[in-house]
Amino acid sequence: KEFSVAVAPEITTNDMTLMIRLAVAGAGITFAMERSFRPWLDRGELVPILESYCPRFAGFYLYYPGRRNLAPKLRALVDHLQRFR
């Protein structure tokens, strides 16, 4: 059964290094792909929790300025990524 819980974090960051440091220091829990935390998990410094409650992967998003006059490299990337939709 799917459900959601509203949370009010004390700290919000997109800095993976800071997330890891805070989690290892005991400042709370964090959410990221397991491979990001693998060395700390292997050393027992961090442990996975709530594994059965992981949200579904929503997919990747690519934001870029409009569709007109895209740089050729960006156009190639967009075309490549659209194959995986």
PDB file of N, CA and C in Angstrom:
ATOM      1  N   LYS A   1       0.846  -1.176   0.000  1.00  0.00           N
ATOM      2  CA  LYS A   1       0.000   0.000   0.000  1.00  0.00           C
ATOM      3  C   LYS A   1       0.894   1.242   0.000  1.00  0.00           C
ATOM      4  N   GLU A   2       0.628   2.149  -0.909  1.00  0.00           N
ATOM      5  CA  GLU A   2       1.431   3.364  -1.009  1.00  0.00           C
ATOM      6  C   GLU A   2       0.882   4.430  -0.065  1.00  0.00           C
ATOM      7  N   PHE A   3       1.787   5.174   0.574  1.00  0.00           N
ATOM      8  CA  PHE A   3       1.386   6.271   1.447  1.00  0.00           C
ATOM      9  C   PHE A   3       2.486   7.323   1.458  1.00  0.00           C
ATOM     10  N   SER A   4       2.173   8.478   1.985  1.00  0.00           N
ATOM     11  CA  SER A   4       3.176   9.533   2.090  1.00  0.00           C
ATOM     12  C   SER A   4       3.131  10.134   3.485  1.00  0.00           C
ATOM     13  N   VAL A   5       4.264  10.702   3.876  1.00  0.00           N
ATOM     14  CA  VAL A   5       4.396  11.331   5.185  1.00  0.00           C
ATOM     15  C   VAL A   5       5.055  12.686   4.979  1.00  0.00           C
ATOM     16  N   ALA A   6       4.454  13.721   5.489  1.00  0.00           N
ATOM     17  CA  ALA A   6       5.044  15.057   5.390  1.00  0.00           C
ATOM     18  C   ALA A   6       6.135  15.201   6.452  1.00  0.00           C
ATOM     19  N   VAL A   7       7.275  15.715   6.046  1.00  0.00           N
ATOM     20  CA  VAL A   7       8.369  15.950   6.985  1.00  0.00           C
ATOM     21  C   VAL A   7       8.835  17.392   6.860  1.00  0.00           C
ATOM     22  N   ALA A   8       9.410  17.892   7.920  1.00  0.00           N
ATOM     23  CA  ALA A   8       9.954  19.251   7.923  1.00  0.00           C
ATOM     24  C   ALA A   8      11.429  19.153   8.304  1.00  0.00           C
ATOM     25  N   PRO A   9      12.317  19.026   7.323  1.00  0.00           N
ATOM     26  CA  PRO A   9      13.738  18.842   7.638  1.00  0.00           C
ATOM     27  C   PRO A   9      14.359  20.075   8.275  1.00  0.00           C
ATOM     28  N   GLU A  10      15.312  19.829   9.166  1.00  0.00           N
ATOM     29  CA  GLU A  10      16.071  20.915   9.785  1.00  0.00           C
ATOM     30  C   GLU A  10      17.147  21.422   8.830  1.00  0.00           C
ATOM     31  N   ILE A  11      17.684  20.509   8.030  1.00  0.00           N
ATOM     32  CA  ILE A  11      18.741  20.854   7.078  1.00  0.00           C
ATOM     33  C   ILE A  11      18.343  20.300   5.720  1.00  0.00           C
ATOM     34  N   THR A  12      18.463  21.109   4.688  1.00  0.00           N
ATOM     35  CA  THR A  12      18.214  20.672   3.320  1.00  0.00           C
ATOM     36  C   THR A  12      19.442  21.014   2.492  1.00  0.00           C
ATOM     37  N   THR A  13      19.958  20.021   1.769  1.00  0.00           N
ATOM     38  CA  THR A  13      21.145  20.255   0.948  1.00  0.00           C
ATOM     39  C   THR A  13      21.139  19.332  -0.261  1.00  0.00           C
ATOM     40  N   ASN A  14      21.817  19.745  -1.302  1.00  0.00           N
ATOM     41  CA  ASN A  14      22.040  18.862  -2.442  1.00  0.00           C
ATOM     42  C   ASN A  14      23.526  18.525  -2.556  1.00  0.00           C
ATOM     43  N   ASP A  15      24.273  18.814  -1.508  1.00  0.00           N
ATOM     44  CA  ASP A  15      25.708  18.541  -1.452  1.00  0.00           C
ATOM     45  C   ASP A  15      25.915  17.152  -0.848  1.00  0.00           C
ATOM     46  N   MET A  16      26.275  16.179  -1.684  1.00  0.00           N
ATOM     47  CA  MET A  16      26.408  14.802  -1.231  1.00  0.00           C
ATOM     48  C   MET A  16      27.440  14.660  -0.123  1.00  0.00           C
ATOM     49  N   THR A  17      28.539  15.384  -0.210  1.00  0.00           N
ATOM     50  CA  THR A  17      29.568  15.312   0.826  1.00  0.00           C
ATOM     51  C   THR A  17      29.007  15.750   2.169  1.00  0.00           C
ATOM     52  N   LEU A  18      28.253  16.834   2.178  1.00  0.00           N
ATOM     53  CA  LEU A  18      27.646  17.314   3.414  1.00  0.00           C
ATOM     54  C   LEU A  18      26.615  16.317   3.933  1.00  0.00           C
ATOM     55  N   MET A  19      25.809  15.747   3.042  1.00  0.00           N
ATOM     56  CA  MET A  19      24.815  14.752   3.464  1.00  0.00           C
ATOM     57  C   MET A  19      25.488  13.585   4.175  1.00  0.00           C
ATOM     58  N   ILE A  20      26.569  13.095   3.601  1.00  0.00           N
ATOM     59  CA  ILE A  20      27.280  11.961   4.192  1.00  0.00           C
ATOM     60  C   ILE A  20      27.875  12.350   5.535  1.00  0.00           C
ATOM     61  N   ARG A  21      28.524  13.501   5.594  1.00  0.00           N
ATOM     62  CA  ARG A  21      29.136  13.947   6.857  1.00  0.00           C
ATOM     63  C   ARG A  21      28.096  14.096   7.957  1.00  0.00           C
ATOM     64  N   LEU A  22      26.943  14.658   7.623  1.00  0.00           N
ATOM     65  CA  LEU A  22      25.888  14.827   8.616  1.00  0.00           C
ATOM     66  C   LEU A  22      25.346  13.482   9.085  1.00  0.00           C
ATOM     67  N   ALA A  23      25.129  12.570   8.154  1.00  0.00           N
ATOM     68  CA  ALA A  23      24.609  11.252   8.526  1.00  0.00           C
ATOM     69  C   ALA A  23      25.607  10.499   9.402  1.00  0.00           C
ATOM     70  N   VAL A  24      26.880  10.510   9.026  1.00  0.00           N
ATOM     71  CA  VAL A  24      27.910   9.828   9.813  1.00  0.00           C
ATOM     72  C   VAL A  24      28.034  10.452  11.201  1.00  0.00           C
ATOM     73  N   ALA A  25      27.850  11.765  11.292  1.00  0.00           N
ATOM     74  CA  ALA A  25      27.940  12.466  12.579  1.00  0.00           C
ATOM     75  C   ALA A  25      26.704  12.251  13.448  1.00  0.00           C
ATOM     76  N   GLY A  26      25.687  11.582  12.898  1.00  0.00           N
ATOM     77  CA  GLY A  26      24.489  11.308  13.684  1.00  0.00           C
ATOM     78  C   GLY A  26      23.474  12.429  13.677  1.00  0.00           C
ATOM     79  N   ALA A  27      23.542  13.306  12.687  1.00  0.00           N
ATOM     80  CA  ALA A  27      22.639  14.455  12.630  1.00  0.00           C
ATOM     81  C   ALA A  27      21.244  14.092  12.136  1.00  0.00           C
ATOM     82  N   GLY A  28      21.037  12.863  11.723  1.00  0.00           N
ATOM     83  CA  GLY A  28      19.717  12.462  11.242  1.00  0.00           C
ATOM     84  C   GLY A  28      19.824  11.454  10.123  1.00  0.00           C
ATOM     85  N   ILE A  29      18.743  11.318   9.374  1.00  0.00           N
ATOM     86  CA  ILE A  29      18.732  10.378   8.259  1.00  0.00           C
ATOM     87  C   ILE A  29      18.785  11.150   6.943  1.00  0.00           C
ATOM     88  N   THR A  30      19.169  10.450   5.900  1.00  0.00           N
ATOM     89  CA  THR A  30      19.257  11.067   4.589  1.00  0.00           C
ATOM     90  C   THR A  30      18.801  10.061   3.549  1.00  0.00           C
ATOM     91  N   PHE A  31      18.547  10.532   2.350  1.00  0.00           N
ATOM     92  CA  PHE A  31      18.089   9.662   1.275  1.00  0.00           C
ATOM     93  C   PHE A  31      18.928   9.908   0.040  1.00  0.00           C
ATOM     94  N   ALA A  32      19.486   8.845  -0.494  1.00  0.00           N
ATOM     95  CA  ALA A  32      20.258   8.912  -1.739  1.00  0.00           C
ATOM     96  C   ALA A  32      20.415   7.495  -2.263  1.00  0.00           C
ATOM     97  N   MET A  33      20.943   7.379  -3.468  1.00  0.00           N
ATOM     98  CA  MET A  33      21.194   6.050  -4.016  1.00  0.00           C
ATOM     99  C   MET A  33      22.216   5.328  -3.148  1.00  0.00           C
ATOM    100  N   GLU A  34      21.987   4.046  -2.952  1.00  0.00           N
ATOM    101  CA  GLU A  34      22.846   3.253  -2.076  1.00  0.00           C
ATOM    102  C   GLU A  34      24.317   3.337  -2.462  1.00  0.00           C
ATOM    103  N   ARG A  35      24.598   3.347  -3.748  1.00  0.00           N
ATOM    104  CA  ARG A  35      26.005   3.353  -4.168  1.00  0.00           C
ATOM    105  C   ARG A  35      26.736   4.617  -3.712  1.00  0.00           C
ATOM    106  N   SER A  36      25.998   5.690  -3.455  1.00  0.00           N
ATOM    107  CA  SER A  36      26.627   6.918  -2.965  1.00  0.00           C
ATOM    108  C   SER A  36      27.207   6.727  -1.569  1.00  0.00           C
ATOM    109  N   PHE A  37      26.609   5.814  -0.802  1.00  0.00           N
ATOM    110  CA  PHE A  37      27.007   5.599   0.588  1.00  0.00           C
ATOM    111  C   PHE A  37      27.763   4.285   0.790  1.00  0.00           C
ATOM    112  N   ARG A  38      28.039   3.564  -0.295  1.00  0.00           N
ATOM    113  CA  ARG A  38      28.617   2.214  -0.199  1.00  0.00           C
ATOM    114  C   ARG A  38      29.829   2.132   0.721  1.00  0.00           C
ATOM    115  N   PRO A  39      30.852   3.000   0.626  1.00  0.00           N
ATOM    116  CA  PRO A  39      32.014   2.855   1.515  1.00  0.00           C
ATOM    117  C   PRO A  39      31.645   2.945   2.999  1.00  0.00           C
ATOM    118  N   TRP A  40      30.728   3.823   3.357  1.00  0.00           N
ATOM    119  CA  TRP A  40      30.323   3.995   4.750  1.00  0.00           C
ATOM    120  C   TRP A  40      29.460   2.827   5.213  1.00  0.00           C
ATOM    121  N   LEU A  41      28.662   2.284   4.312  1.00  0.00           N
ATOM    122  CA  LEU A  41      27.874   1.094   4.631  1.00  0.00           C
ATOM    123  C   LEU A  41      28.800  -0.094   4.852  1.00  0.00           C
ATOM    124  N   ASP A  42      29.789  -0.256   3.987  1.00  0.00           N
ATOM    125  CA  ASP A  42      30.732  -1.371   4.103  1.00  0.00           C
ATOM    126  C   ASP A  42      31.532  -1.312   5.396  1.00  0.00           C
ATOM    127  N   ARG A  43      31.842  -0.112   5.868  1.00  0.00           N
ATOM    128  CA  ARG A  43      32.598   0.052   7.117  1.00  0.00           C
ATOM    129  C   ARG A  43      31.694   0.033   8.345  1.00  0.00           C
ATOM    130  N   GLY A  44      30.394  -0.027   8.141  1.00  0.00           N
ATOM    131  CA  GLY A  44      29.465  -0.050   9.264  1.00  0.00           C
ATOM    132  C   GLY A  44      29.225   1.308   9.890  1.00  0.00           C
ATOM    133  N   GLU A  45      29.672   2.368   9.241  1.00  0.00           N
ATOM    134  CA  GLU A  45      29.471   3.716   9.766  1.00  0.00           C
ATOM    135  C   GLU A  45      28.045   4.198   9.539  1.00  0.00           C
ATOM    136  N   LEU A  46      27.410   3.664   8.513  1.00  0.00           N
ATOM    137  CA  LEU A  46      26.008   3.960   8.223  1.00  0.00           C
ATOM    138  C   LEU A  46      25.279   2.643   8.007  1.00  0.00           C
ATOM    139  N   VAL A  47      23.991   2.635   8.299  1.00  0.00           N
ATOM    140  CA  VAL A  47      23.174   1.445   8.065  1.00  0.00           C
ATOM    141  C   VAL A  47      21.916   1.857   7.317  1.00  0.00           C
ATOM    142  N   PRO A  48      21.450   1.012   6.406  1.00  0.00           N
ATOM    143  CA  PRO A  48      20.209   1.333   5.691  1.00  0.00           C
ATOM    144  C   PRO A  48      19.008   1.143   6.616  1.00  0.00           C
ATOM    145  N   ILE A  49      18.042   2.016   6.481  1.00  0.00           N
ATOM    146  CA  ILE A  49      16.787   1.896   7.233  1.00  0.00           C
ATOM    147  C   ILE A  49      15.629   2.125   6.269  1.00  0.00           C
ATOM    148  N   LEU A  50      14.468   1.708   6.661  1.00  0.00           N
ATOM    149  CA  LEU A  50      13.243   1.925   5.879  1.00  0.00           C
ATOM    150  C   LEU A  50      13.366   1.411   4.448  1.00  0.00           C
ATOM    151  N   GLU A  51      14.119   0.324   4.253  1.00  0.00           N
ATOM    152  CA  GLU A  51      14.333  -0.188   2.898  1.00  0.00           C
ATOM    153  C   GLU A  51      13.035  -0.572   2.198  1.00  0.00           C
ATOM    154  N   SER A  52      12.082  -1.062   2.944  1.00  0.00           N
ATOM    155  CA  SER A  52      10.822  -1.475   2.313  1.00  0.00           C
ATOM    156  C   SER A  52       9.917  -0.282   2.006  1.00  0.00           C
ATOM    157  N   TYR A  53      10.336   0.910   2.392  1.00  0.00           N
ATOM    158  CA  TYR A  53       9.529   2.107   2.157  1.00  0.00           C
ATOM    159  C   TYR A  53      10.157   3.055   1.142  1.00  0.00           C
ATOM    160  N   CYS A  54      11.073   2.568   0.336  1.00  0.00           N
ATOM    161  CA  CYS A  54      11.726   3.426  -0.652  1.00  0.00           C
ATOM    162  C   CYS A  54      10.736   3.852  -1.727  1.00  0.00           C
ATOM    163  N   PRO A  55      10.755   5.120  -2.097  1.00  0.00           N
ATOM    164  CA  PRO A  55       9.841   5.597  -3.137  1.00  0.00           C
ATOM    165  C   PRO A  55      10.233   5.060  -4.508  1.00  0.00           C
ATOM    166  N   ARG A  56       9.266   5.015  -5.388  1.00  0.00           N
ATOM    167  CA  ARG A  56       9.524   4.630  -6.767  1.00  0.00           C
ATOM    168  C   ARG A  56      10.429   5.657  -7.433  1.00  0.00           C
ATOM    169  N   PHE A  57      11.303   5.188  -8.314  1.00  0.00           N
ATOM    170  CA  PHE A  57      12.183   6.088  -9.059  1.00  0.00           C
ATOM    171  C   PHE A  57      11.338   6.874 -10.052  1.00  0.00           C
ATOM    172  N   ALA A  58      11.379   8.179  -9.954  1.00  0.00           N
ATOM    173  CA  ALA A  58      10.541   9.039 -10.796  1.00  0.00           C
ATOM    174  C   ALA A  58      11.149   9.295 -12.171  1.00  0.00           C
ATOM    175  N   GLY A  59      12.379   8.913 -12.359  1.00  0.00           N
ATOM    176  CA  GLY A  59      13.029   9.140 -13.643  1.00  0.00           C
ATOM    177  C   GLY A  59      13.939  10.351 -13.601  1.00  0.00           C
ATOM    178  N   PHE A  60      14.631  10.550 -14.699  1.00  0.00           N
ATOM    179  CA  PHE A  60      15.534  11.683 -14.816  1.00  0.00           C
ATOM    180  C   PHE A  60      14.825  12.830 -15.524  1.00  0.00           C
ATOM    181  N   TYR A  61      15.247  14.028 -15.223  1.00  0.00           N
ATOM    182  CA  TYR A  61      14.698  15.210 -15.873  1.00  0.00           C
ATOM    183  C   TYR A  61      15.844  16.012 -16.455  1.00  0.00           C
ATOM    184  N   LEU A  62      15.642  16.535 -17.634  1.00  0.00           N
ATOM    185  CA  LEU A  62      16.643  17.365 -18.297  1.00  0.00           C
ATOM    186  C   LEU A  62      16.001  18.708 -18.596  1.00  0.00           C
ATOM    187  N   TYR A  63      16.581  19.751 -18.078  1.00  0.00           N
ATOM    188  CA  TYR A  63      16.070  21.101 -18.310  1.00  0.00           C
ATOM    189  C   TYR A  63      17.054  21.847 -19.204  1.00  0.00           C
ATOM    190  N   TYR A  64      16.533  22.465 -20.243  1.00  0.00           N
ATOM    191  CA  TYR A  64      17.384  23.223 -21.154  1.00  0.00           C
ATOM    192  C   TYR A  64      16.565  24.362 -21.751  1.00  0.00           C
ATOM    193  N   PRO A  65      17.237  25.395 -22.254  1.00  0.00           N
ATOM    194  CA  PRO A  65      16.532  26.591 -22.723  1.00  0.00           C
ATOM    195  C   PRO A  65      15.877  26.411 -24.096  1.00  0.00           C
ATOM    196  N   GLY A  66      14.619  26.082 -24.098  1.00  0.00           N
ATOM    197  CA  GLY A  66      13.840  26.019 -25.340  1.00  0.00           C
ATOM    198  C   GLY A  66      14.286  24.970 -26.333  1.00  0.00           C
ATOM    199  N   ARG A  67      13.620  24.931 -27.462  1.00  0.00           N
ATOM    200  CA  ARG A  67      13.928  23.945 -28.492  1.00  0.00           C
ATOM    201  C   ARG A  67      14.569  24.578 -29.723  1.00  0.00           C
ATOM    202  N   ARG A  68      14.573  25.875 -29.805  1.00  0.00           N
ATOM    203  CA  ARG A  68      15.118  26.548 -30.986  1.00  0.00           C
ATOM    204  C   ARG A  68      16.608  26.789 -30.812  1.00  0.00           C
ATOM    205  N   ASN A  69      17.334  26.568 -31.879  1.00  0.00           N
ATOM    206  CA  ASN A  69      18.765  26.869 -31.935  1.00  0.00           C
ATOM    207  C   ASN A  69      19.577  26.195 -30.828  1.00  0.00           C
ATOM    208  N   LEU A  70      19.297  24.928 -30.570  1.00  0.00           N
ATOM    209  CA  LEU A  70      20.090  24.204 -29.579  1.00  0.00           C
ATOM    210  C   LEU A  70      21.493  23.966 -30.123  1.00  0.00           C
ATOM    211  N   ALA A  71      22.466  24.043 -29.241  1.00  0.00           N
ATOM    212  CA  ALA A  71      23.833  23.700 -29.628  1.00  0.00           C
ATOM    213  C   ALA A  71      23.835  22.244 -30.086  1.00  0.00           C
ATOM    214  N   PRO A  72      24.596  21.912 -31.097  1.00  0.00           N
ATOM    215  CA  PRO A  72      24.592  20.543 -31.625  1.00  0.00           C
ATOM    216  C   PRO A  72      24.865  19.467 -30.570  1.00  0.00           C
ATOM    217  N   LYS A  73      25.767  19.739 -29.641  1.00  0.00           N
ATOM    218  CA  LYS A  73      26.065  18.744 -28.603  1.00  0.00           C
ATOM    219  C   LYS A  73      24.867  18.542 -27.681  1.00  0.00           C
ATOM    220  N   LEU A  74      24.179  19.622 -27.338  1.00  0.00           N
ATOM    221  CA  LEU A  74      22.992  19.503 -26.497  1.00  0.00           C
ATOM    222  C   LEU A  74      21.884  18.781 -27.250  1.00  0.00           C
ATOM    223  N   ARG A  75      21.697  19.095 -28.525  1.00  0.00           N
ATOM    224  CA  ARG A  75      20.692  18.413 -29.349  1.00  0.00           C
ATOM    225  C   ARG A  75      20.966  16.909 -29.388  1.00  0.00           C
ATOM    226  N   ALA A  76      22.249  16.537 -29.530  1.00  0.00           N
ATOM    227  CA  ALA A  76      22.626  15.121 -29.558  1.00  0.00           C
ATOM    228  C   ALA A  76      22.318  14.450 -28.223  1.00  0.00           C
ATOM    229  N   LEU A  77      22.581  15.140 -27.124  1.00  0.00           N
ATOM    230  CA  LEU A  77      22.278  14.586 -25.801  1.00  0.00           C
ATOM    231  C   LEU A  77      20.780  14.406 -25.621  1.00  0.00           C
ATOM    232  N   VAL A  78      19.998  15.410 -25.968  1.00  0.00           N
ATOM    233  CA  VAL A  78      18.536  15.330 -25.856  1.00  0.00           C
ATOM    234  C   VAL A  78      18.014  14.162 -26.686  1.00  0.00           C
ATOM    235  N   ASP A  79      18.474  14.049 -27.912  1.00  0.00           N
ATOM    236  CA  ASP A  79      18.030  12.958 -28.784  1.00  0.00           C
ATOM    237  C   ASP A  79      18.394  11.598 -28.197  1.00  0.00           C
ATOM    238  N   HIS A  80      19.599  11.499 -27.656  1.00  0.00           N
ATOM    239  CA  HIS A  80      20.051  10.242 -27.062  1.00  0.00           C
ATOM    240  C   HIS A  80      19.187   9.866 -25.855  1.00  0.00           C
ATOM    241  N   LEU A  81      18.955  10.815 -24.960  1.00  0.00           N
ATOM    242  CA  LEU A  81      18.193  10.529 -23.747  1.00  0.00           C
ATOM    243  C   LEU A  81      16.734  10.206 -24.040  1.00  0.00           C
ATOM    244  N   GLN A  82      16.179  10.779 -25.084  1.00  0.00           N
ATOM    245  CA  GLN A  82      14.777  10.512 -25.412  1.00  0.00           C
ATOM    246  C   GLN A  82      14.552   9.064 -25.832  1.00  0.00           C
ATOM    247  N   ARG A  83      15.603   8.381 -26.226  1.00  0.00           N
ATOM    248  CA  ARG A  83      15.460   6.965 -26.584  1.00  0.00           C
ATOM    249  C   ARG A  83      15.097   6.109 -25.376  1.00  0.00           C
ATOM    250  N   PHE A  84      15.343   6.608 -24.168  1.00  0.00           N
ATOM    251  CA  PHE A  84      15.112   5.840 -22.948  1.00  0.00           C
ATOM    252  C   PHE A  84      13.804   6.190 -22.255  1.00  0.00           C
ATOM    253  N   ARG A  85      12.944   6.958 -22.905  1.00  0.00           N
ATOM    254  CA  ARG A  85      11.674   7.373 -22.305  1.00  0.00           C
ATOM    255  C   ARG A  85      10.752   6.209 -22.165  1.00  0.00           C
TER     256      ARG A  85
END
